[in-house]
Amino acid sequence: MQLNLHLLRIFAAVTEQRSFSRAAETLCISQPAVSKAVRELEHQLGLPLIERGIGGTRGAKGVRLTDSGQALFDHARGIFALERAAVEEVRARVGLKSGRLVVGASTTIAGYWLPSYVAGFLQQFPSAQLTVQVGNTQAMSRALIDCEIDIALVEGRVTDPRIVSTHWRNDELTIIAPRNLAVTRGRQPNLNALNEQVWLLREIGSGTREATGGAMRNLGIEPQRSIEIGSNEGIARAVAAGLGIAMLPTQVVRELIMLNEVKAVHFRETSMLERPLFLLQLKQRPSSPLLNAFCELLKQAQGNSRSSAKGR
């Protein structure tokens, strides 16, 4: 049995759009043609792909896949990712230095680490189309699996077997507090007093939340009260306004510390407080020449990070 890729493409569009009508608009064909294609694919495979209950396939949550449909869609994403990679490689070879690259990055990396690499890359490949998508670690992992991005740079660990995660570089962390907070005035902060303060944390799914949570536990910090805020910059400004205490990447808070808007809190154990940053790629997805070139630039960061660590 051969898999009809035309029918598979229509099925994938229905699944991605969560709607037969939106898939028809995307593919520029009629809705009956979309419905017929999905039924034909089910007939060829001898398996139901979409749940059809009393309410049909439309509802508050849109199209719902059967277990077989979900398995087929996972394969479809990989198949069409290979197709896109092949097209990009051909374009890159024809145009030598042209093509499209989509890089995913979690917020701190996108704002503080990535810009210099993007600038260097575009100097080498001025005709390349490079797009950066930003989100937390979970969002970037999903985008990579869905083939919406070609590579991701994130702050949290990823264990999905479909993703290859490698250490990229390290990122220093700093505990900051409002500048006039009494419990931070001594040389060594009172741990119990710090635990009684309000701690400002990133949301679940953020790499910063994962890294700082582990570091705080190692220091014996167990906040009695906490508030979640959806960005590192928002947390830093909230600390400056006196809302609470936080542990954040040093890159984010360095200027606020220099301006004396917040105070850095130092434990003896925090002299080497840092977290790893990771490079994610989809397993078994071939890399385009542009992606390989971008990865070469990122490897320079790995070397610089190791040299910096040896020099400490």
C-alpha atoms as a PDB file:
ATOM      1  CA  MET A   1       0.000   0.000   0.000  1.00  0.00           C
ATOM      2  CA  GLN A   2       1.289   3.457  -0.931  1.00  0.00           C
ATOM      3  CA  LEU A   3       0.425   6.567   1.063  1.00  0.00           C
ATOM      4  CA  ASN A   4      -1.254   9.219  -1.062  1.00  0.00           C
ATOM      5  CA  LEU A   5       0.683  12.391  -0.174  1.00  0.00           C
ATOM      6  CA  HIS A   6      -1.942  14.678  -1.711  1.00  0.00           C
ATOM      7  CA  LEU A   7      -4.620  13.255   0.584  1.00  0.00           C
ATOM      8  CA  LEU A   8      -2.180  13.308   3.498  1.00  0.00           C
ATOM      9  CA  ARG A   9      -1.495  17.010   2.905  1.00  0.00           C
ATOM     10  CA  ILE A  10      -5.219  17.782   3.039  1.00  0.00           C
ATOM     11  CA  PHE A  11      -5.642  15.716   6.217  1.00  0.00           C
ATOM     12  CA  ALA A  12      -2.689  17.556   7.803  1.00  0.00           C
ATOM     13  CA  ALA A  13      -4.214  20.913   6.880  1.00  0.00           C
ATOM     14  CA  VAL A  14      -7.532  19.942   8.484  1.00  0.00           C
ATOM     15  CA  THR A  15      -5.720  18.908  11.654  1.00  0.00           C
ATOM     16  CA  GLU A  16      -3.522  22.012  11.816  1.00  0.00           C
ATOM     17  CA  GLN A  17      -6.426  24.372  11.156  1.00  0.00           C
ATOM     18  CA  ARG A  18      -8.775  22.415  13.443  1.00  0.00           C
ATOM     19  CA  SER A  19     -11.471  22.973  10.822  1.00  0.00           C
ATOM     20  CA  PHE A  20     -12.552  21.611   7.427  1.00  0.00           C
ATOM     21  CA  SER A  21     -13.607  25.056   6.225  1.00  0.00           C
ATOM     22  CA  ARG A  22     -10.377  26.790   7.251  1.00  0.00           C
ATOM     23  CA  ALA A  23      -8.353  23.994   5.666  1.00  0.00           C
ATOM     24  CA  ALA A  24     -10.294  24.515   2.437  1.00  0.00           C
ATOM     25  CA  GLU A  25      -9.485  28.225   2.509  1.00  0.00           C
ATOM     26  CA  THR A  26      -5.806  27.536   3.166  1.00  0.00           C
ATOM     27  CA  LEU A  27      -5.582  25.005   0.329  1.00  0.00           C
ATOM     28  CA  CYS A  28      -7.790  27.075  -2.017  1.00  0.00           C
ATOM     29  CA  ILE A  29     -10.198  24.206  -2.661  1.00  0.00           C
ATOM     30  CA  SER A  30     -13.832  23.608  -1.742  1.00  0.00           C
ATOM     31  CA  GLN A  31     -14.901  22.255   1.626  1.00  0.00           C
ATOM     32  CA  PRO A  32     -16.657  19.231   0.066  1.00  0.00           C
ATOM     33  CA  ALA A  33     -13.367  18.399  -1.667  1.00  0.00           C
ATOM     34  CA  VAL A  34     -11.585  18.486   1.685  1.00  0.00           C
ATOM     35  CA  SER A  35     -14.166  16.233   3.317  1.00  0.00           C
ATOM     36  CA  LYS A  36     -14.015  13.801   0.389  1.00  0.00           C
ATOM     37  CA  ALA A  37     -10.201  13.673   0.553  1.00  0.00           C
ATOM     38  CA  VAL A  38     -10.206  12.826   4.266  1.00  0.00           C
ATOM     39  CA  ARG A  39     -12.810  10.089   3.763  1.00  0.00           C
ATOM     40  CA  GLU A  40     -10.802   8.676   0.854  1.00  0.00           C
ATOM     41  CA  LEU A  41      -7.635   8.596   2.966  1.00  0.00           C
ATOM     42  CA  GLU A  42      -9.500   6.778   5.736  1.00  0.00           C
ATOM     43  CA  HIS A  43     -10.825   4.290   3.160  1.00  0.00           C
ATOM     44  CA  GLN A  44      -7.341   3.664   1.739  1.00  0.00           C
ATOM     45  CA  LEU A  45      -5.847   3.096   5.182  1.00  0.00           C
ATOM     46  CA  GLY A  46      -8.823   1.180   6.546  1.00  0.00           C
ATOM     47  CA  LEU A  47      -8.726   3.271   9.716  1.00  0.00           C
ATOM     48  CA  PRO A  48     -10.862   6.090  11.146  1.00  0.00           C
ATOM     49  CA  LEU A  49      -8.741   9.235  11.471  1.00  0.00           C
ATOM     50  CA  ILE A  50     -11.269  11.768  12.746  1.00  0.00           C
ATOM     51  CA  GLU A  51     -13.858  11.234  15.462  1.00  0.00           C
ATOM     52  CA  ARG A  52     -17.417  11.523  14.182  1.00  0.00           C
ATOM     53  CA  GLY A  53     -19.999  11.547  16.935  1.00  0.00           C
ATOM     54  CA  ILE A  54     -23.537  12.810  17.122  1.00  0.00           C
ATOM     55  CA  GLY A  55     -22.324  16.366  16.770  1.00  0.00           C
ATOM     56  CA  GLY A  56     -20.195  15.553  13.758  1.00  0.00           C
ATOM     57  CA  THR A  57     -16.600  16.671  13.546  1.00  0.00           C
ATOM     58  CA  ARG A  58     -17.330  20.275  14.411  1.00  0.00           C
ATOM     59  CA  GLY A  59     -17.659  21.495  17.938  1.00  0.00           C
ATOM     60  CA  ALA A  60     -16.264  23.837  20.518  1.00  0.00           C
ATOM     61  CA  LYS A  61     -12.852  22.265  20.234  1.00  0.00           C
ATOM     62  CA  GLY A  62     -12.862  21.783  16.463  1.00  0.00           C
ATOM     63  CA  VAL A  63     -11.690  18.614  14.725  1.00  0.00           C
ATOM     64  CA  ARG A  64     -10.767  15.724  17.015  1.00  0.00           C
ATOM     65  CA  LEU A  65      -8.418  12.959  15.926  1.00  0.00           C
ATOM     66  CA  THR A  66      -8.617   9.291  16.752  1.00  0.00           C
ATOM     67  CA  ASP A  67      -5.490   7.617  18.109  1.00  0.00           C
ATOM     68  CA  SER A  68      -4.716   6.447  14.571  1.00  0.00           C
ATOM     69  CA  GLY A  69      -5.301   9.950  13.246  1.00  0.00           C
ATOM     70  CA  GLN A  70      -2.900  11.443  15.789  1.00  0.00           C
ATOM     71  CA  ALA A  71      -0.231   8.887  14.920  1.00  0.00           C
ATOM     72  CA  LEU A  72      -0.632   9.611  11.209  1.00  0.00           C
ATOM     73  CA  PHE A  73      -0.503  13.373  11.804  1.00  0.00           C
ATOM     74  CA  ASP A  74       2.767  13.011  13.741  1.00  0.00           C
ATOM     75  CA  HIS A  75       4.254  11.220  10.734  1.00  0.00           C
ATOM     76  CA  ALA A  76       2.770  13.796   8.350  1.00  0.00           C
ATOM     77  CA  ARG A  77       4.541  16.624  10.168  1.00  0.00           C
ATOM     78  CA  GLY A  78       7.846  14.819   9.753  1.00  0.00           C
ATOM     79  CA  ILE A  79       7.209  14.078   6.078  1.00  0.00           C
ATOM     80  CA  PHE A  80       6.362  17.687   5.219  1.00  0.00           C
ATOM     81  CA  ALA A  81       9.233  18.960   7.340  1.00  0.00           C
ATOM     82  CA  LEU A  82      11.558  16.873   5.160  1.00  0.00           C
ATOM     83  CA  GLU A  83       9.880  18.335   2.104  1.00  0.00           C
ATOM     84  CA  ARG A  84      10.437  21.905   3.348  1.00  0.00           C
ATOM     85  CA  ALA A  85      14.043  21.138   4.213  1.00  0.00           C
ATOM     86  CA  ALA A  86      14.626  19.726   0.722  1.00  0.00           C
ATOM     87  CA  VAL A  87      13.125  22.820  -0.905  1.00  0.00           C
ATOM     88  CA  GLU A  88      15.209  25.131   1.282  1.00  0.00           C
ATOM     89  CA  GLU A  89      18.395  23.232   0.483  1.00  0.00           C
ATOM     90  CA  VAL A  90      17.730  23.381  -3.256  1.00  0.00           C
ATOM     91  CA  ARG A  91      17.028  27.097  -3.002  1.00  0.00           C
ATOM     92  CA  ALA A  92      20.177  27.613  -0.979  1.00  0.00           C
ATOM     93  CA  ARG A  93      22.269  25.710  -3.529  1.00  0.00           C
ATOM     94  CA  VAL A  94      20.758  27.574  -6.448  1.00  0.00           C
ATOM     95  CA  GLY A  95      21.068  30.966  -4.806  1.00  0.00           C
ATOM     96  CA  LEU A  96      24.304  30.085  -2.991  1.00  0.00           C
ATOM     97  CA  LYS A  97      23.465  32.170   0.078  1.00  0.00           C
ATOM     98  CA  SER A  98      19.715  32.570  -0.124  1.00  0.00           C
ATOM     99  CA  GLY A  99      16.971  30.744   1.723  1.00  0.00           C
ATOM    100  CA  ARG A 100      14.802  30.974   4.822  1.00  0.00           C
ATOM    101  CA  LEU A 101      15.632  30.130   8.431  1.00  0.00           C
ATOM    102  CA  VAL A 102      13.271  30.279  11.411  1.00  0.00           C
ATOM    103  CA  VAL A 103      14.962  30.353  14.821  1.00  0.00           C
ATOM    104  CA  GLY A 104      12.981  29.850  18.017  1.00  0.00           C
ATOM    105  CA  ALA A 105      14.252  31.333  21.269  1.00  0.00           C
ATOM    106  CA  SER A 106      13.060  31.694  24.829  1.00  0.00           C
ATOM    107  CA  THR A 107      12.661  35.258  26.019  1.00  0.00           C
ATOM    108  CA  THR A 108      15.999  35.977  27.712  1.00  0.00           C
ATOM    109  CA  ILE A 109      17.995  34.399  24.899  1.00  0.00           C
ATOM    110  CA  ALA A 110      16.026  36.305  22.266  1.00  0.00           C
ATOM    111  CA  GLY A 111      16.500  39.606  24.061  1.00  0.00           C
ATOM    112  CA  TYR A 112      20.084  39.346  25.289  1.00  0.00           C
ATOM    113  CA  TRP A 113      22.078  36.525  23.667  1.00  0.00           C
ATOM    114  CA  LEU A 114      20.680  36.032  20.185  1.00  0.00           C
ATOM    115  CA  PRO A 115      20.888  39.513  18.527  1.00  0.00           C
ATOM    116  CA  SER A 116      24.674  39.451  18.054  1.00  0.00           C
ATOM    117  CA  TYR A 117      24.514  36.023  16.369  1.00  0.00           C
ATOM    118  CA  VAL A 118      21.668  37.114  14.099  1.00  0.00           C
ATOM    119  CA  ALA A 119      23.644  40.217  13.113  1.00  0.00           C
ATOM    120  CA  GLY A 120      26.763  38.163  12.359  1.00  0.00           C
ATOM    121  CA  PHE A 121      24.763  35.625  10.382  1.00  0.00           C
ATOM    122  CA  LEU A 122      23.062  38.247   8.216  1.00  0.00           C
ATOM    123  CA  GLN A 123      26.410  39.888   7.485  1.00  0.00           C
ATOM    124  CA  GLN A 124      27.558  36.585   6.000  1.00  0.00           C
ATOM    125  CA  PHE A 125      24.226  35.812   4.306  1.00  0.00           C
ATOM    126  CA  PRO A 126      22.588  39.168   3.457  1.00  0.00           C
ATOM    127  CA  SER A 127      20.044  37.542   1.121  1.00  0.00           C
ATOM    128  CA  ALA A 128      18.824  35.060   3.744  1.00  0.00           C
ATOM    129  CA  GLN A 129      15.386  35.477   5.282  1.00  0.00           C
ATOM    130  CA  LEU A 130      15.763  34.924   9.025  1.00  0.00           C
ATOM    131  CA  THR A 131      12.798  34.984  11.396  1.00  0.00           C
ATOM    132  CA  VAL A 132      12.924  34.727  15.192  1.00  0.00           C
ATOM    133  CA  GLN A 133       9.977  33.302  17.142  1.00  0.00           C
ATOM    134  CA  VAL A 134       9.906  33.929  20.895  1.00  0.00           C
ATOM    135  CA  GLY A 135       8.243  31.921  23.653  1.00  0.00           C
ATOM    136  CA  ASN A 136       9.012  29.903  26.758  1.00  0.00           C
ATOM    137  CA  THR A 137      10.742  26.523  26.627  1.00  0.00           C
ATOM    138  CA  GLN A 138       7.528  24.510  26.335  1.00  0.00           C
ATOM    139  CA  ALA A 139       6.221  26.701  23.514  1.00  0.00           C
ATOM    140  CA  MET A 140       9.487  26.455  21.568  1.00  0.00           C
ATOM    141  CA  SER A 141       9.558  22.666  21.980  1.00  0.00           C
ATOM    142  CA  ARG A 142       6.040  22.412  20.543  1.00  0.00           C
ATOM    143  CA  ALA A 143       6.955  24.723  17.664  1.00  0.00           C
ATOM    144  CA  LEU A 144       9.998  22.573  16.870  1.00  0.00           C
ATOM    145  CA  ILE A 145       7.956  19.356  16.887  1.00  0.00           C
ATOM    146  CA  ASP A 146       5.309  21.028  14.713  1.00  0.00           C
ATOM    147  CA  CYS A 147       8.078  22.077  12.292  1.00  0.00           C
ATOM    148  CA  GLU A 148       7.197  25.750  12.694  1.00  0.00           C
ATOM    149  CA  ILE A 149      10.833  26.535  13.498  1.00  0.00           C
ATOM    150  CA  ASP A 150      14.131  25.024  12.332  1.00  0.00           C
ATOM    151  CA  ILE A 151      16.075  25.248  15.587  1.00  0.00           C
ATOM    152  CA  ALA A 152      15.486  26.477  19.139  1.00  0.00           C
ATOM    153  CA  LEU A 153      17.609  28.037  21.862  1.00  0.00           C
ATOM    154  CA  VAL A 154      15.998  27.631  25.271  1.00  0.00           C
ATOM    155  CA  GLU A 155      16.596  28.041  28.990  1.00  0.00           C
ATOM    156  CA  GLY A 156      15.013  24.808  30.237  1.00  0.00           C
ATOM    157  CA  ARG A 157      15.725  21.111  29.860  1.00  0.00           C
ATOM    158  CA  VAL A 158      13.684  19.155  27.304  1.00  0.00           C
ATOM    159  CA  THR A 159      13.221  15.386  27.556  1.00  0.00           C
ATOM    160  CA  ASP A 160      10.972  14.749  24.540  1.00  0.00           C
ATOM    161  CA  PRO A 161      12.542  11.803  22.641  1.00  0.00           C
ATOM    162  CA  ARG A 162      11.793  13.515  19.320  1.00  0.00           C
ATOM    163  CA  ILE A 163      14.147  16.375  20.179  1.00  0.00           C
ATOM    164  CA  VAL A 164      17.945  16.407  20.399  1.00  0.00           C
ATOM    165  CA  SER A 165      19.016  18.749  23.202  1.00  0.00           C
ATOM    166  CA  THR A 166      22.649  19.842  23.555  1.00  0.00           C
ATOM    167  CA  HIS A 167      24.319  22.262  25.941  1.00  0.00           C
ATOM    168  CA  TRP A 168      24.947  25.613  24.254  1.00  0.00           C
ATOM    169  CA  ARG A 169      26.370  27.956  26.901  1.00  0.00           C
ATOM    170  CA  ASN A 170      25.925  29.027  30.539  1.00  0.00           C
ATOM    171  CA  ASP A 171      23.943  32.000  31.834  1.00  0.00           C
ATOM    172  CA  GLU A 172      24.765  33.640  35.188  1.00  0.00           C
ATOM    173  CA  LEU A 173      21.959  34.202  37.710  1.00  0.00           C
ATOM    174  CA  THR A 174      21.593  36.887  40.402  1.00  0.00           C
ATOM    175  CA  ILE A 175      19.207  37.284  43.333  1.00  0.00           C
ATOM    176  CA  ILE A 176      17.826  40.824  43.480  1.00  0.00           C
ATOM    177  CA  ALA A 177      15.772  42.644  46.106  1.00  0.00           C
ATOM    178  CA  PRO A 178      14.334  46.128  46.594  1.00  0.00           C
ATOM    179  CA  ARG A 179      17.244  48.416  47.477  1.00  0.00           C
ATOM    180  CA  ASN A 180      15.867  49.401  50.892  1.00  0.00           C
ATOM    181  CA  LEU A 181      14.810  45.941  52.056  1.00  0.00           C
ATOM    182  CA  ALA A 182      16.022  45.561  55.645  1.00  0.00           C
ATOM    183  CA  VAL A 183      16.751  41.809  55.496  1.00  0.00           C
ATOM    184  CA  THR A 184      19.434  42.306  52.832  1.00  0.00           C
ATOM    185  CA  ARG A 185      21.513  44.920  54.634  1.00  0.00           C
ATOM    186  CA  GLY A 186      23.875  42.521  56.353  1.00  0.00           C
ATOM    187  CA  ARG A 187      26.828  40.762  54.765  1.00  0.00           C
ATOM    188  CA  GLN A 188      25.037  37.437  54.856  1.00  0.00           C
ATOM    189  CA  PRO A 189      21.239  37.621  54.356  1.00  0.00           C
ATOM    190  CA  ASN A 190      18.987  35.989  56.906  1.00  0.00           C
ATOM    191  CA  LEU A 191      17.556  32.939  55.154  1.00  0.00           C
ATOM    192  CA  ASN A 192      14.417  32.737  57.285  1.00  0.00           C
ATOM    193  CA  ALA A 193      13.708  36.414  56.720  1.00  0.00           C
ATOM    194  CA  LEU A 194      14.140  35.983  52.966  1.00  0.00           C
ATOM    195  CA  ASN A 195      11.710  33.067  52.972  1.00  0.00           C
ATOM    196  CA  GLU A 196       9.117  35.327  54.559  1.00  0.00           C
ATOM    197  CA  GLN A 197       9.369  37.800  51.678  1.00  0.00           C
ATOM    198  CA  VAL A 198       7.233  37.663  48.529  1.00  0.00           C
ATOM    199  CA  TRP A 199       9.190  35.935  45.748  1.00  0.00           C
ATOM    200  CA  LEU A 200       8.451  36.804  42.141  1.00  0.00           C
ATOM    201  CA  LEU A 201       8.606  33.772  39.839  1.00  0.00           C
ATOM    202  CA  ARG A 202       8.194  33.045  36.157  1.00  0.00           C
ATOM    203  CA  GLU A 203       5.291  30.886  34.969  1.00  0.00           C
ATOM    204  CA  ILE A 204       5.351  27.077  34.880  1.00  0.00           C
ATOM    205  CA  GLY A 205       6.962  26.012  31.583  1.00  0.00           C
ATOM    206  CA  SER A 206       9.546  28.783  31.629  1.00  0.00           C
ATOM    207  CA  GLY A 207      13.212  27.750  31.581  1.00  0.00           C
ATOM    208  CA  THR A 208      13.970  30.534  34.063  1.00  0.00           C
ATOM    209  CA  ARG A 209      11.391  29.054  36.460  1.00  0.00           C
ATOM    210  CA  GLU A 210      12.969  25.605  36.165  1.00  0.00           C
ATOM    211  CA  ALA A 211      16.540  26.835  36.667  1.00  0.00           C
ATOM    212  CA  THR A 212      15.838  29.256  39.492  1.00  0.00           C
ATOM    213  CA  GLY A 213      13.601  26.751  41.258  1.00  0.00           C
ATOM    214  CA  GLY A 214      16.455  24.253  41.435  1.00  0.00           C
ATOM    215  CA  ALA A 215      18.967  26.883  42.541  1.00  0.00           C
ATOM    216  CA  MET A 216      16.645  28.175  45.255  1.00  0.00           C
ATOM    217  CA  ARG A 217      16.132  24.677  46.633  1.00  0.00           C
ATOM    218  CA  ASN A 218      19.909  24.158  46.739  1.00  0.00           C
ATOM    219  CA  LEU A 219      20.269  27.357  48.773  1.00  0.00           C
ATOM    220  CA  GLY A 220      17.490  26.324  51.152  1.00  0.00           C
ATOM    221  CA  ILE A 221      15.147  29.052  49.938  1.00  0.00           C
ATOM    222  CA  GLU A 222      11.512  27.973  50.318  1.00  0.00           C
ATOM    223  CA  PRO A 223       9.248  31.003  49.761  1.00  0.00           C
ATOM    224  CA  GLN A 224       6.109  31.174  51.861  1.00  0.00           C
ATOM    225  CA  ARG A 225       4.498  33.548  49.362  1.00  0.00           C
ATOM    226  CA  SER A 226       5.053  33.957  45.638  1.00  0.00           C
ATOM    227  CA  ILE A 227       3.626  35.752  42.623  1.00  0.00           C
ATOM    228  CA  GLU A 228       3.960  34.590  39.005  1.00  0.00           C
ATOM    229  CA  ILE A 229       4.841  37.175  36.356  1.00  0.00           C
ATOM    230  CA  GLY A 230       5.163  36.262  32.674  1.00  0.00           C
ATOM    231  CA  SER A 231       8.461  37.974  31.787  1.00  0.00           C
ATOM    232  CA  ASN A 232      11.897  38.457  33.330  1.00  0.00           C
ATOM    233  CA  GLU A 233      11.838  42.189  32.603  1.00  0.00           C
ATOM    234  CA  GLY A 234       8.451  42.493  34.281  1.00  0.00           C
ATOM    235  CA  ILE A 235       9.779  40.706  37.362  1.00  0.00           C
ATOM    236  CA  ALA A 236      12.871  42.948  37.492  1.00  0.00           C
ATOM    237  CA  ARG A 237      10.743  46.094  37.345  1.00  0.00           C
ATOM    238  CA  ALA A 238       8.404  44.699  39.984  1.00  0.00           C
ATOM    239  CA  VAL A 239      11.377  44.136  42.313  1.00  0.00           C
ATOM    240  CA  ALA A 240      12.505  47.716  41.695  1.00  0.00           C
ATOM    241  CA  ALA A 241       9.003  48.859  42.650  1.00  0.00           C
ATOM    242  CA  GLY A 242       9.269  46.992  45.960  1.00  0.00           C
ATOM    243  CA  LEU A 243       6.899  44.113  45.194  1.00  0.00           C
ATOM    244  CA  GLY A 244       9.263  41.311  46.226  1.00  0.00           C
ATOM    245  CA  ILE A 245      12.496  39.371  45.649  1.00  0.00           C
ATOM    246  CA  ALA A 246      13.559  37.371  42.594  1.00  0.00           C
ATOM    247  CA  MET A 247      16.345  35.308  41.059  1.00  0.00           C
ATOM    248  CA  LEU A 248      16.936  36.327  37.445  1.00  0.00           C
ATOM    249  CA  PRO A 249      19.575  36.144  34.700  1.00  0.00           C
ATOM    250  CA  THR A 250      22.323  38.668  35.408  1.00  0.00           C
ATOM    251  CA  GLN A 251      22.002  39.959  31.850  1.00  0.00           C
ATOM    252  CA  VAL A 252      18.470  41.131  32.662  1.00  0.00           C
ATOM    253  CA  VAL A 253      19.228  42.906  35.944  1.00  0.00           C
ATOM    254  CA  ARG A 254      22.756  44.260  35.422  1.00  0.00           C
ATOM    255  CA  GLU A 255      21.631  47.765  34.437  1.00  0.00           C
ATOM    256  CA  LEU A 256      19.120  48.014  37.295  1.00  0.00           C
ATOM    257  CA  ILE A 257      21.860  47.062  39.758  1.00  0.00           C
ATOM    258  CA  MET A 258      24.248  49.642  38.282  1.00  0.00           C
ATOM    259  CA  LEU A 259      21.544  52.318  38.569  1.00  0.00           C
ATOM    260  CA  ASN A 260      20.949  51.283  42.211  1.00  0.00           C
ATOM    261  CA  GLU A 261      17.277  50.576  41.483  1.00  0.00           C
ATOM    262  CA  VAL A 262      17.623  47.061  42.922  1.00  0.00           C
ATOM    263  CA  LYS A 263      20.160  45.398  45.189  1.00  0.00           C
ATOM    264  CA  ALA A 264      22.055  42.198  44.414  1.00  0.00           C
ATOM    265  CA  VAL A 265      21.811  39.641  47.232  1.00  0.00           C
ATOM    266  CA  HIS A 266      24.919  37.501  47.643  1.00  0.00           C
ATOM    267  CA  PHE A 267      25.282  34.184  49.434  1.00  0.00           C
ATOM    268  CA  ARG A 268      28.686  32.588  49.672  1.00  0.00           C
ATOM    269  CA  GLU A 269      27.193  29.741  47.655  1.00  0.00           C
ATOM    270  CA  THR A 270      26.054  32.027  44.808  1.00  0.00           C
ATOM    271  CA  SER A 271      29.501  33.039  43.532  1.00  0.00           C
ATOM    272  CA  MET A 272      29.086  30.520  40.680  1.00  0.00           C
ATOM    273  CA  LEU A 273      25.295  30.601  40.412  1.00  0.00           C
ATOM    274  CA  GLU A 274      24.393  29.900  36.789  1.00  0.00           C
ATOM    275  CA  ARG A 275      22.175  27.834  34.553  1.00  0.00           C
ATOM    276  CA  PRO A 276      22.776  26.018  31.252  1.00  0.00           C
ATOM    277  CA  LEU A 277      21.210  27.140  27.988  1.00  0.00           C
ATOM    278  CA  PHE A 278      20.301  24.523  25.393  1.00  0.00           C
ATOM    279  CA  LEU A 279      20.185  24.145  21.617  1.00  0.00           C
ATOM    280  CA  LEU A 280      17.275  22.027  20.360  1.00  0.00           C
ATOM    281  CA  GLN A 281      16.917  20.287  17.004  1.00  0.00           C
ATOM    282  CA  LEU A 282      14.316  17.855  15.751  1.00  0.00           C
ATOM    283  CA  LYS A 283      15.713  14.342  15.570  1.00  0.00           C
ATOM    284  CA  GLN A 284      16.164  12.899  12.064  1.00  0.00           C
ATOM    285  CA  ARG A 285      15.275  16.204  10.398  1.00  0.00           C
ATOM    286  CA  PRO A 286      17.991  17.102   7.856  1.00  0.00           C
ATOM    287  CA  SER A 287      19.676  20.487   8.203  1.00  0.00           C
ATOM    288  CA  SER A 288      19.754  23.028   5.388  1.00  0.00           C
ATOM    289  CA  PRO A 289      23.054  24.751   4.480  1.00  0.00           C
ATOM    290  CA  LEU A 290      21.795  27.936   6.127  1.00  0.00           C
ATOM    291  CA  LEU A 291      20.979  26.091   9.338  1.00  0.00           C
ATOM    292  CA  ASN A 292      24.417  24.465   9.340  1.00  0.00           C
ATOM    293  CA  ALA A 293      26.010  27.903   8.925  1.00  0.00           C
ATOM    294  CA  PHE A 294      23.983  29.310  11.809  1.00  0.00           C
ATOM    295  CA  CYS A 295      24.936  26.362  14.017  1.00  0.00           C
ATOM    296  CA  GLU A 296      28.595  27.053  13.268  1.00  0.00           C
ATOM    297  CA  LEU A 297      28.152  30.555  14.667  1.00  0.00           C
ATOM    298  CA  LEU A 298      26.494  29.137  17.770  1.00  0.00           C
ATOM    299  CA  LYS A 299      29.443  26.781  18.326  1.00  0.00           C
ATOM    300  CA  GLN A 300      31.603  29.852  18.861  1.00  0.00           C
ATOM    301  CA  ALA A 301      29.459  30.598  21.908  1.00  0.00           C
ATOM    302  CA  GLN A 302      30.145  27.110  23.247  1.00  0.00           C
ATOM    303  CA  GLY A 303      33.882  27.727  22.990  1.00  0.00           C
ATOM    304  CA  ASN A 304      33.641  31.172  24.558  1.00  0.00           C
ATOM    305  CA  SER A 305      31.503  29.832  27.398  1.00  0.00           C
ATOM    306  CA  ARG A 306      34.045  27.105  28.218  1.00  0.00           C
ATOM    307  CA  SER A 307      36.938  29.566  28.099  1.00  0.00           C
ATOM    308  CA  SER A 308      35.087  31.947  30.389  1.00  0.00           C
ATOM    309  CA  ALA A 309      34.346  29.161  32.865  1.00  0.00           C
ATOM    310  CA  LYS A 310      38.035  28.106  32.974  1.00  0.00           C
ATOM    311  CA  GLY A 311      39.049  31.691  33.635  1.00  0.00           C
ATOM    312  CA  ARG A 312      36.928  32.013  36.759  1.00  0.00           C
END
